[in-house]
Amino acid sequence: QSAAGYRAGLDAALLASACDAGDGDRVIEAGCGVGAALLAAATRRP
């Protein structure tokens, strides 16, 4: 991620932790930035 621009923080981590998608579900994140919440949620929900 950018050293000077917007940097992912607690909000992205909490959003990812709240994703409860099940197997086979399709999930969209609006405004994903560099992917902090998106990738954490994908890791949590394989």
All heavy atoms as atom14 arrays in JSON, in Angstrom:
{
  "sequence": "QSAAGYRAGLDAALLASACDAGDGDRVIEAGCGVGAALLAAATRRP",
  "atom14_mask": [
    [1, 1, 1, 1, 1, 1, 1, 1, 1, 0, 0, 0, 0, 0],
    [1, 1, 1, 1, 1, 1, 0, 0, 0, 0, 0, 0, 0, 0],
    [1, 1, 1, 1, 1, 0, 0, 0, 0, 0, 0, 0, 0, 0],
    [1, 1, 1, 1, 1, 0, 0, 0, 0, 0, 0, 0, 0, 0],
    [1, 1, 1, 1, 0, 0, 0, 0, 0, 0, 0, 0, 0, 0],
    [1, 1, 1, 1, 1, 1, 1, 1, 1, 1, 1, 1, 0, 0],
    [1, 1, 1, 1, 1, 1, 1, 1, 1, 1, 1, 0, 0, 0],
    [1, 1, 1, 1, 1, 0, 0, 0, 0, 0, 0, 0, 0, 0],
    [1, 1, 1, 1, 0, 0, 0, 0, 0, 0, 0, 0, 0, 0],
    [1, 1, 1, 1, 1, 1, 1, 1, 0, 0, 0, 0, 0, 0],
    [1, 1, 1, 1, 1, 1, 1, 1, 0, 0, 0, 0, 0, 0],
    [1, 1, 1, 1, 1, 0, 0, 0, 0, 0, 0, 0, 0, 0],
    [1, 1, 1, 1, 1, 0, 0, 0, 0, 0, 0, 0, 0, 0],
    [1, 1, 1, 1, 1, 1, 1, 1, 0, 0, 0, 0, 0, 0],
    [1, 1, 1, 1, 1, 1, 1, 1, 0, 0, 0, 0, 0, 0],
    [1, 1, 1, 1, 1, 0, 0, 0, 0, 0, 0, 0, 0, 0],
    [1, 1, 1, 1, 1, 1, 0, 0, 0, 0, 0, 0, 0, 0],
    [1, 1, 1, 1, 1, 0, 0, 0, 0, 0, 0, 0, 0, 0],
    [1, 1, 1, 1, 1, 1, 0, 0, 0, 0, 0, 0, 0, 0],
    [1, 1, 1, 1, 1, 1, 1, 1, 0, 0, 0, 0, 0, 0],
    [1, 1, 1, 1, 1, 0, 0, 0, 0, 0, 0, 0, 0, 0],
    [1, 1, 1, 1, 0, 0, 0, 0, 0, 0, 0, 0, 0, 0],
    [1, 1, 1, 1, 1, 1, 1, 1, 0, 0, 0, 0, 0, 0],
    [1, 1, 1, 1, 0, 0, 0, 0, 0, 0, 0, 0, 0, 0],
    [1, 1, 1, 1, 1, 1, 1, 1, 0, 0, 0, 0, 0, 0],
    [1, 1, 1, 1, 1, 1, 1, 1, 1, 1, 1, 0, 0, 0],
    [1, 1, 1, 1, 1, 1, 1, 0, 0, 0, 0, 0, 0, 0],
    [1, 1, 1, 1, 1, 1, 1, 1, 0, 0, 0, 0, 0, 0],
    [1, 1, 1, 1, 1, 1, 1, 1, 1, 0, 0, 0, 0, 0],
    [1, 1, 1, 1, 1, 0, 0, 0, 0, 0, 0, 0, 0, 0],
    [1, 1, 1, 1, 0, 0, 0, 0, 0, 0, 0, 0, 0, 0],
    [1, 1, 1, 1, 1, 1, 0, 0, 0, 0, 0, 0, 0, 0],
    [1, 1, 1, 1, 0, 0, 0, 0, 0, 0, 0, 0, 0, 0],
    [1, 1, 1, 1, 1, 1, 1, 0, 0, 0, 0, 0, 0, 0],
    [1, 1, 1, 1, 0, 0, 0, 0, 0, 0, 0, 0, 0, 0],
    [1, 1, 1, 1, 1, 0, 0, 0, 0, 0, 0, 0, 0, 0],
    [1, 1, 1, 1, 1, 0, 0, 0, 0, 0, 0, 0, 0, 0],
    [1, 1, 1, 1, 1, 1, 1, 1, 0, 0, 0, 0, 0, 0],
    [1, 1, 1, 1, 1, 1, 1, 1, 0, 0, 0, 0, 0, 0],
    [1, 1, 1, 1, 1, 0, 0, 0, 0, 0, 0, 0, 0, 0],
    [1, 1, 1, 1, 1, 0, 0, 0, 0, 0, 0, 0, 0, 0],
    [1, 1, 1, 1, 1, 0, 0, 0, 0, 0, 0, 0, 0, 0],
    [1, 1, 1, 1, 1, 1, 1, 0, 0, 0, 0, 0, 0, 0],
    [1, 1, 1, 1, 1, 1, 1, 1, 1, 1, 1, 0, 0, 0],
    [1, 1, 1, 1, 1, 1, 1, 1, 1, 1, 1, 0, 0, 0],
    [1, 1, 1, 1, 1, 1, 1, 0, 0, 0, 0, 0, 0, 0]
  ],
  "atom14_positions": [
    [[0.83, -1.2, 0.0], [0.0, 0.0, 0.0], [0.87, 1.25, 0.0], [2.05, 1.2, 0.32], [-0.95, 0.0, 1.19], [-0.31, -0.16, 2.54], [-1.33, -0.26, 3.66], [-2.46, 0.2, 3.55], [-0.94, -0.87, 4.77], [0.0, 0.0, 0.0], [0.0, 0.0, 0.0], [0.0, 0.0, 0.0], [0.0, 0.0, 0.0], [0.0, 0.0, 0.0]],
    [[0.24, 2.34, -0.37], [0.96, 3.61, -0.46], [1.44, 4.06, 0.91], [0.71, 3.97, 1.9], [0.04, 4.67, -1.06], [0.62, 5.95, -0.95], [0.0, 0.0, 0.0], [0.0, 0.0, 0.0], [0.0, 0.0, 0.0], [0.0, 0.0, 0.0], [0.0, 0.0, 0.0], [0.0, 0.0, 0.0], [0.0, 0.0, 0.0], [0.0, 0.0, 0.0]],
    [[2.66, 4.56, 0.96], [3.2, 5.08, 2.22], [2.59, 6.42, 2.56], [2.48, 6.78, 3.74], [4.71, 5.19, 2.14], [0.0, 0.0, 0.0], [0.0, 0.0, 0.0], [0.0, 0.0, 0.0], [0.0, 0.0, 0.0], [0.0, 0.0, 0.0], [0.0, 0.0, 0.0], [0.0, 0.0, 0.0], [0.0, 0.0, 0.0], [0.0, 0.0, 0.0]],
    [[2.19, 7.2, 1.56], [1.7, 8.55, 1.79], [0.18, 8.66, 1.67], [-0.42, 9.53, 2.28], [2.34, 9.52, 0.8], [0.0, 0.0, 0.0], [0.0, 0.0, 0.0], [0.0, 0.0, 0.0], [0.0, 0.0, 0.0], [0.0, 0.0, 0.0], [0.0, 0.0, 0.0], [0.0, 0.0, 0.0], [0.0, 0.0, 0.0], [0.0, 0.0, 0.0]],
    [[-0.45, 7.79, 0.9], [-1.88, 7.87, 0.69], [-2.66, 7.21, 1.81], [-2.15, 6.95, 2.91], [0.0, 0.0, 0.0], [0.0, 0.0, 0.0], [0.0, 0.0, 0.0], [0.0, 0.0, 0.0], [0.0, 0.0, 0.0], [0.0, 0.0, 0.0], [0.0, 0.0, 0.0], [0.0, 0.0, 0.0], [0.0, 0.0, 0.0], [0.0, 0.0, 0.0]],
    [[-3.94, 6.93, 1.52], [-4.79, 6.27, 2.51], [-4.25, 4.88, 2.81], [-3.95, 4.11, 1.91], [-6.22, 6.18, 1.99], [-7.15, 5.49, 2.96], [-7.69, 6.17, 4.04], [-7.46, 4.14, 2.8], [-8.53, 5.53, 4.94], [-8.3, 3.49, 3.69], [-8.83, 4.2, 4.76], [-9.65, 3.56, 5.66], [0.0, 0.0, 0.0], [0.0, 0.0, 0.0]],
    [[-4.16, 4.57, 4.1], [-3.63, 3.27, 4.51], [-4.7, 2.53, 5.31], [-5.38, 3.1, 6.16], [-2.36, 3.46, 5.35], [-1.21, 4.02, 4.53], [0.0, 4.3, 5.39], [0.54, 3.1, 6.02], [1.3, 2.2, 5.41], [1.61, 2.35, 4.12], [1.76, 1.14, 6.04], [0.0, 0.0, 0.0], [0.0, 0.0, 0.0], [0.0, 0.0, 0.0]],
    [[-4.84, 1.25, 5.01], [-5.86, 0.43, 5.67], [-5.57, 0.33, 7.16], [-4.42, 0.26, 7.59], [-5.89, -0.95, 5.05], [0.0, 0.0, 0.0], [0.0, 0.0, 0.0], [0.0, 0.0, 0.0], [0.0, 0.0, 0.0], [0.0, 0.0, 0.0], [0.0, 0.0, 0.0], [0.0, 0.0, 0.0], [0.0, 0.0, 0.0], [0.0, 0.0, 0.0]],
    [[-6.64, 0.3, 7.94], [-6.48, 0.22, 9.39], [-7.49, -0.7, 10.02], [-7.92, -1.69, 9.43], [0.0, 0.0, 0.0], [0.0, 0.0, 0.0], [0.0, 0.0, 0.0], [0.0, 0.0, 0.0], [0.0, 0.0, 0.0], [0.0, 0.0, 0.0], [0.0, 0.0, 0.0], [0.0, 0.0, 0.0], [0.0, 0.0, 0.0], [0.0, 0.0, 0.0]],
    [[-7.93, -0.34, 11.23], [-8.82, -1.19, 12.01], [-10.17, -1.39, 11.32], [-10.75, -2.48, 11.41], [-9.04, -0.59, 13.39], [-7.89, -0.72, 14.39], [-8.23, 0.03, 15.67], [-7.62, -2.19, 14.7], [0.0, 0.0, 0.0], [0.0, 0.0, 0.0], [0.0, 0.0, 0.0], [0.0, 0.0, 0.0], [0.0, 0.0, 0.0], [0.0, 0.0, 0.0]],
    [[-10.68, -0.36, 10.66], [-12.0, -0.49, 10.05], [-12.02, -1.62, 9.02], [-12.97, -2.4, 8.95], [-12.42, 0.83, 9.4], [-12.64, 1.92, 10.44], [-12.98, 1.6, 11.58], [-12.46, 3.1, 10.09], [0.0, 0.0, 0.0], [0.0, 0.0, 0.0], [0.0, 0.0, 0.0], [0.0, 0.0, 0.0], [0.0, 0.0, 0.0], [0.0, 0.0, 0.0]],
    [[-10.98, -1.69, 8.2], [-10.9, -2.76, 7.2], [-10.82, -4.13, 7.87], [-11.46, -5.09, 7.43], [-9.69, -2.55, 6.3], [0.0, 0.0, 0.0], [0.0, 0.0, 0.0], [0.0, 0.0, 0.0], [0.0, 0.0, 0.0], [0.0, 0.0, 0.0], [0.0, 0.0, 0.0], [0.0, 0.0, 0.0], [0.0, 0.0, 0.0], [0.0, 0.0, 0.0]],
    [[-10.04, -4.22, 8.95], [-9.9, -5.49, 9.64], [-11.22, -5.93, 10.26], [-11.58, -7.12, 10.22], [-8.82, -5.37, 10.72], [0.0, 0.0, 0.0], [0.0, 0.0, 0.0], [0.0, 0.0, 0.0], [0.0, 0.0, 0.0], [0.0, 0.0, 0.0], [0.0, 0.0, 0.0], [0.0, 0.0, 0.0], [0.0, 0.0, 0.0], [0.0, 0.0, 0.0]],
    [[-11.95, -4.99, 10.85], [-13.23, -5.32, 11.47], [-14.27, -5.69, 10.42], [-15.07, -6.62, 10.62], [-13.72, -4.14, 12.31], [-12.87, -3.82, 13.54], [-13.37, -2.55, 14.22], [-12.87, -4.98, 14.53], [0.0, 0.0, 0.0], [0.0, 0.0, 0.0], [0.0, 0.0, 0.0], [0.0, 0.0, 0.0], [0.0, 0.0, 0.0], [0.0, 0.0, 0.0]],
    [[-14.27, -4.98, 9.3], [-15.2, -5.33, 8.23], [-14.95, -6.74, 7.74], [-15.89, -7.53, 7.55], [-15.05, -4.33, 7.09], [-15.96, -4.56, 5.87], [-17.43, -4.42, 6.25], [-15.6, -3.58, 4.75], [0.0, 0.0, 0.0], [0.0, 0.0, 0.0], [0.0, 0.0, 0.0], [0.0, 0.0, 0.0], [0.0, 0.0, 0.0], [0.0, 0.0, 0.0]],
    [[-13.69, -7.1, 7.53], [-13.36, -8.45, 7.07], [-13.81, -9.5, 8.08], [-14.3, -10.57, 7.71], [-11.86, -8.56, 6.82], [0.0, 0.0, 0.0], [0.0, 0.0, 0.0], [0.0, 0.0, 0.0], [0.0, 0.0, 0.0], [0.0, 0.0, 0.0], [0.0, 0.0, 0.0], [0.0, 0.0, 0.0], [0.0, 0.0, 0.0], [0.0, 0.0, 0.0]],
    [[-13.65, -9.2, 9.36], [-14.02, -10.16, 10.4], [-15.53, -10.36, 10.48], [-16.0, -11.37, 11.0], [-13.49, -9.71, 11.76], [-14.22, -8.61, 12.27], [0.0, 0.0, 0.0], [0.0, 0.0, 0.0], [0.0, 0.0, 0.0], [0.0, 0.0, 0.0], [0.0, 0.0, 0.0], [0.0, 0.0, 0.0], [0.0, 0.0, 0.0], [0.0, 0.0, 0.0]],
    [[-16.29, -9.38, 9.98], [-17.74, -9.47, 10.03], [-18.33, -10.17, 8.81], [-19.54, -10.42, 8.77], [-18.34, -8.07, 10.14], [0.0, 0.0, 0.0], [0.0, 0.0, 0.0], [0.0, 0.0, 0.0], [0.0, 0.0, 0.0], [0.0, 0.0, 0.0], [0.0, 0.0, 0.0], [0.0, 0.0, 0.0], [0.0, 0.0, 0.0], [0.0, 0.0, 0.0]],
    [[-17.51, -10.49, 7.83], [-17.99, -11.18, 6.64], [-18.25, -12.65, 6.99], [-17.34, -13.37, 7.41], [-16.96, -11.08, 5.51], [-17.4, -12.01, 4.03], [0.0, 0.0, 0.0], [0.0, 0.0, 0.0], [0.0, 0.0, 0.0], [0.0, 0.0, 0.0], [0.0, 0.0, 0.0], [0.0, 0.0, 0.0], [0.0, 0.0, 0.0], [0.0, 0.0, 0.0]],
    [[-19.48, -13.09, 6.82], [-19.83, -14.47, 7.19], [-20.27, -15.29, 5.98], [-21.12, -16.17, 6.08], [-20.92, -14.49, 8.27], [-22.2, -13.79, 7.83], [-22.19, -13.14, 6.78], [-23.22, -13.89, 8.55], [0.0, 0.0, 0.0], [0.0, 0.0, 0.0], [0.0, 0.0, 0.0], [0.0, 0.0, 0.0], [0.0, 0.0, 0.0], [0.0, 0.0, 0.0]],
    [[-19.7, -14.99, 4.82], [-20.07, -15.68, 3.59], [-19.81, -17.18, 3.7], [-18.78, -17.61, 4.22], [-19.29, -15.1, 2.41], [0.0, 0.0, 0.0], [0.0, 0.0, 0.0], [0.0, 0.0, 0.0], [0.0, 0.0, 0.0], [0.0, 0.0, 0.0], [0.0, 0.0, 0.0], [0.0, 0.0, 0.0], [0.0, 0.0, 0.0], [0.0, 0.0, 0.0]],
    [[-20.74, -17.95, 3.19], [-20.6, -19.39, 3.22], [-19.97, -19.94, 1.95], [-19.68, -19.2, 1.0], [0.0, 0.0, 0.0], [0.0, 0.0, 0.0], [0.0, 0.0, 0.0], [0.0, 0.0, 0.0], [0.0, 0.0, 0.0], [0.0, 0.0, 0.0], [0.0, 0.0, 0.0], [0.0, 0.0, 0.0], [0.0, 0.0, 0.0], [0.0, 0.0, 0.0]],
    [[-19.73, -21.24, 1.95], [-19.13, -21.88, 0.79], [-20.02, -21.66, -0.44], [-21.24, -21.85, -0.39], [-18.97, -23.38, 1.03], [-17.9, -23.69, 2.06], [-17.18, -22.75, 2.46], [-17.8, -24.85, 2.49], [0.0, 0.0, 0.0], [0.0, 0.0, 0.0], [0.0, 0.0, 0.0], [0.0, 0.0, 0.0], [0.0, 0.0, 0.0], [0.0, 0.0, 0.0]],
    [[-19.39, -21.25, -1.53], [-20.11, -21.03, -2.77], [-20.71, -19.65, -2.91], [-21.19, -19.29, -3.99], [0.0, 0.0, 0.0], [0.0, 0.0, 0.0], [0.0, 0.0, 0.0], [0.0, 0.0, 0.0], [0.0, 0.0, 0.0], [0.0, 0.0, 0.0], [0.0, 0.0, 0.0], [0.0, 0.0, 0.0], [0.0, 0.0, 0.0], [0.0, 0.0, 0.0]],
    [[-20.69, -18.85, -1.85], [-21.25, -17.5, -1.92], [-20.35, -16.58, -2.73], [-19.13, -16.74, -2.76], [-21.43, -16.91, -0.52], [-22.66, -17.45, 0.2], [-23.45, -18.17, -0.44], [-22.81, -17.16, 1.4], [0.0, 0.0, 0.0], [0.0, 0.0, 0.0], [0.0, 0.0, 0.0], [0.0, 0.0, 0.0], [0.0, 0.0, 0.0], [0.0, 0.0, 0.0]],
    [[-20.96, -15.59, -3.35], [-20.26, -14.54, -4.06], [-20.43, -13.24, -3.29], [-21.55, -12.86, -2.94], [-20.78, -14.39, -5.49], [-20.54, -15.61, -6.36], [-21.26, -15.49, -7.69], [-20.86, -14.31, -8.45], [-21.64, -13.24, -8.63], [-22.85, -13.19, -8.11], [-21.2, -12.2, -9.33], [0.0, 0.0, 0.0], [0.0, 0.0, 0.0], [0.0, 0.0, 0.0]],
    [[-19.33, -12.55, -3.04], [-19.32, -11.34, -2.22], [-18.67, -10.21, -2.99], [-17.62, -10.4, -3.61], [-18.54, -11.57, -0.9], [-18.62, -10.33, -0.01], [-19.03, -12.81, -0.17], [0.0, 0.0, 0.0], [0.0, 0.0, 0.0], [0.0, 0.0, 0.0], [0.0, 0.0, 0.0], [0.0, 0.0, 0.0], [0.0, 0.0, 0.0], [0.0, 0.0, 0.0]],
    [[-19.26, -9.02, -2.94], [-18.65, -7.85, -3.54], [-18.34, -6.83, -2.46], [-19.14, -6.63, -1.54], [-19.56, -7.22, -4.63], [-18.82, -6.07, -5.32], [-20.91, -6.79, -4.08], [-19.51, -5.55, -6.58], [0.0, 0.0, 0.0], [0.0, 0.0, 0.0], [0.0, 0.0, 0.0], [0.0, 0.0, 0.0], [0.0, 0.0, 0.0], [0.0, 0.0, 0.0]],
    [[-17.16, -6.22, -2.54], [-16.83, -5.11, -1.67], [-16.8, -3.84, -2.51], [-16.05, -3.75, -3.48], [-15.48, -5.28, -0.97], [-15.22, -4.1, -0.02], [-13.82, -4.02, 0.55], [-12.97, -4.85, 0.19], [-13.58, -3.09, 1.34], [0.0, 0.0, 0.0], [0.0, 0.0, 0.0], [0.0, 0.0, 0.0], [0.0, 0.0, 0.0], [0.0, 0.0, 0.0]],
    [[-17.57, -2.85, -2.12], [-17.58, -1.56, -2.81], [-16.52, -0.66, -2.18], [-16.49, -0.47, -0.97], [-18.95, -0.9, -2.69], [0.0, 0.0, 0.0], [0.0, 0.0, 0.0], [0.0, 0.0, 0.0], [0.0, 0.0, 0.0], [0.0, 0.0, 0.0], [0.0, 0.0, 0.0], [0.0, 0.0, 0.0], [0.0, 0.0, 0.0], [0.0, 0.0, 0.0]],
    [[-15.64, -0.12, -3.03], [-14.56, 0.72, -2.53], [-13.49, -0.11, -1.84], [-13.17, 0.11, -0.69], [0.0, 0.0, 0.0], [0.0, 0.0, 0.0], [0.0, 0.0, 0.0], [0.0, 0.0, 0.0], [0.0, 0.0, 0.0], [0.0, 0.0, 0.0], [0.0, 0.0, 0.0], [0.0, 0.0, 0.0], [0.0, 0.0, 0.0], [0.0, 0.0, 0.0]],
    [[-12.91, -1.05, -2.57], [-11.99, -2.01, -1.94], [-10.59, -1.46, -1.73], [-9.78, -2.1, -1.05], [-11.94, -3.3, -2.75], [-11.11, -3.15, -4.36], [0.0, 0.0, 0.0], [0.0, 0.0, 0.0], [0.0, 0.0, 0.0], [0.0, 0.0, 0.0], [0.0, 0.0, 0.0], [0.0, 0.0, 0.0], [0.0, 0.0, 0.0], [0.0, 0.0, 0.0]],
    [[-10.26, -0.3, -2.31], [-8.91, 0.23, -2.16], [-7.87, -0.76, -2.68], [-8.04, -1.34, -3.74], [0.0, 0.0, 0.0], [0.0, 0.0, 0.0], [0.0, 0.0, 0.0], [0.0, 0.0, 0.0], [0.0, 0.0, 0.0], [0.0, 0.0, 0.0], [0.0, 0.0, 0.0], [0.0, 0.0, 0.0], [0.0, 0.0, 0.0], [0.0, 0.0, 0.0]],
    [[-6.8, -0.96, -1.9], [-5.76, -1.89, -2.32], [-6.06, -3.32, -1.89], [-5.25, -4.21, -2.11], [-4.38, -1.45, -1.78], [-4.02, -0.07, -2.29], [-4.33, -1.49, -0.25], [0.0, 0.0, 0.0], [0.0, 0.0, 0.0], [0.0, 0.0, 0.0], [0.0, 0.0, 0.0], [0.0, 0.0, 0.0], [0.0, 0.0, 0.0], [0.0, 0.0, 0.0]],
    [[-7.23, -3.55, -1.27], [-7.65, -4.91, -0.99], [-7.5, -5.39, 0.44], [-7.57, -6.6, 0.68], [0.0, 0.0, 0.0], [0.0, 0.0, 0.0], [0.0, 0.0, 0.0], [0.0, 0.0, 0.0], [0.0, 0.0, 0.0], [0.0, 0.0, 0.0], [0.0, 0.0, 0.0], [0.0, 0.0, 0.0], [0.0, 0.0, 0.0], [0.0, 0.0, 0.0]],
    [[-7.35, -4.49, 1.39], [-7.12, -4.92, 2.78], [-8.27, -5.77, 3.31], [-8.08, -6.91, 3.75], [-6.89, -3.71, 3.67], [0.0, 0.0, 0.0], [0.0, 0.0, 0.0], [0.0, 0.0, 0.0], [0.0, 0.0, 0.0], [0.0, 0.0, 0.0], [0.0, 0.0, 0.0], [0.0, 0.0, 0.0], [0.0, 0.0, 0.0], [0.0, 0.0, 0.0]],
    [[-9.48, -5.23, 3.3], [-10.63, -6.0, 3.8], [-10.97, -7.15, 2.86], [-11.31, -8.25, 3.3], [-11.84, -5.08, 3.97], [0.0, 0.0, 0.0], [0.0, 0.0, 0.0], [0.0, 0.0, 0.0], [0.0, 0.0, 0.0], [0.0, 0.0, 0.0], [0.0, 0.0, 0.0], [0.0, 0.0, 0.0], [0.0, 0.0, 0.0], [0.0, 0.0, 0.0]],
    [[-10.88, -6.9, 1.56], [-11.22, -7.9, 0.55], [-10.4, -9.17, 0.72], [-10.92, -10.29, 0.74], [-11.0, -7.29, -0.83], [-11.42, -8.1, -2.05], [-12.93, -8.18, -2.14], [-10.86, -7.46, -3.31], [0.0, 0.0, 0.0], [0.0, 0.0, 0.0], [0.0, 0.0, 0.0], [0.0, 0.0, 0.0], [0.0, 0.0, 0.0], [0.0, 0.0, 0.0]],
    [[-9.08, -9.0, 0.85], [-8.19, -10.16, 0.94], [-8.25, -10.82, 2.3], [-8.12, -12.05, 2.4], [-6.77, -9.73, 0.6], [-6.6, -9.15, -0.81], [-5.18, -8.69, -1.04], [-7.0, -10.16, -1.88], [0.0, 0.0, 0.0], [0.0, 0.0, 0.0], [0.0, 0.0, 0.0], [0.0, 0.0, 0.0], [0.0, 0.0, 0.0], [0.0, 0.0, 0.0]],
    [[-8.44, -10.03, 3.35], [-8.58, -10.63, 4.68], [-9.86, -11.45, 4.75], [-9.88, -12.56, 5.31], [-8.58, -9.55, 5.75], [0.0, 0.0, 0.0], [0.0, 0.0, 0.0], [0.0, 0.0, 0.0], [0.0, 0.0, 0.0], [0.0, 0.0, 0.0], [0.0, 0.0, 0.0], [0.0, 0.0, 0.0], [0.0, 0.0, 0.0], [0.0, 0.0, 0.0]],
    [[-10.96, -10.93, 4.16], [-12.2, -11.69, 4.16], [-12.07, -12.96, 3.32], [-12.58, -14.03, 3.7], [-13.33, -10.82, 3.61], [0.0, 0.0, 0.0], [0.0, 0.0, 0.0], [0.0, 0.0, 0.0], [0.0, 0.0, 0.0], [0.0, 0.0, 0.0], [0.0, 0.0, 0.0], [0.0, 0.0, 0.0], [0.0, 0.0, 0.0], [0.0, 0.0, 0.0]],
    [[-11.39, -12.87, 2.18], [-11.2, -14.04, 1.34], [-10.35, -15.1, 2.05], [-10.57, -16.3, 1.88], [-10.55, -13.63, 0.02], [0.0, 0.0, 0.0], [0.0, 0.0, 0.0], [0.0, 0.0, 0.0], [0.0, 0.0, 0.0], [0.0, 0.0, 0.0], [0.0, 0.0, 0.0], [0.0, 0.0, 0.0], [0.0, 0.0, 0.0], [0.0, 0.0, 0.0]],
    [[-9.39, -14.65, 2.84], [-8.56, -15.59, 3.6], [-9.37, -16.25, 4.71], [-9.24, -17.45, 4.97], [-7.35, -14.85, 4.19], [-6.58, -14.29, 3.12], [-6.47, -15.78, 5.0], [0.0, 0.0, 0.0], [0.0, 0.0, 0.0], [0.0, 0.0, 0.0], [0.0, 0.0, 0.0], [0.0, 0.0, 0.0], [0.0, 0.0, 0.0], [0.0, 0.0, 0.0]],
    [[-10.22, -15.48, 5.34], [-11.07, -16.02, 6.41], [-12.13, -16.97, 5.86], [-12.54, -17.91, 6.55], [-11.79, -14.87, 7.14], [-10.91, -14.06, 8.1], [-11.72, -12.89, 8.64], [-11.06, -12.15, 9.69], [-11.14, -12.43, 10.98], [-11.86, -13.47, 11.37], [-10.53, -11.68, 11.89], [0.0, 0.0, 0.0], [0.0, 0.0, 0.0], [0.0, 0.0, 0.0]],
    [[-12.6, -16.72, 4.65], [-13.71, -17.48, 4.06], [-13.26, -18.17, 2.78], [-13.58, -17.73, 1.66], [-14.89, -16.54, 3.78], [-15.42, -15.85, 5.03], [-16.14, -16.84, 5.92], [-16.52, -16.25, 7.2], [-17.21, -16.9, 8.14], [-17.61, -18.15, 7.92], [-17.5, -16.33, 9.28], [0.0, 0.0, 0.0], [0.0, 0.0, 0.0], [0.0, 0.0, 0.0]],
    [[-12.5, -19.26, 2.9], [-11.88, -19.88, 1.72], [-12.86, -20.51, 0.74], [-12.48, -20.82, -0.39], [-10.94, -20.93, 2.33], [-11.52, -21.23, 3.67], [-12.11, -19.94, 4.15], [0.0, 0.0, 0.0], [0.0, 0.0, 0.0], [0.0, 0.0, 0.0], [0.0, 0.0, 0.0], [0.0, 0.0, 0.0], [0.0, 0.0, 0.0], [0.0, 0.0, 0.0]]
  ]
}
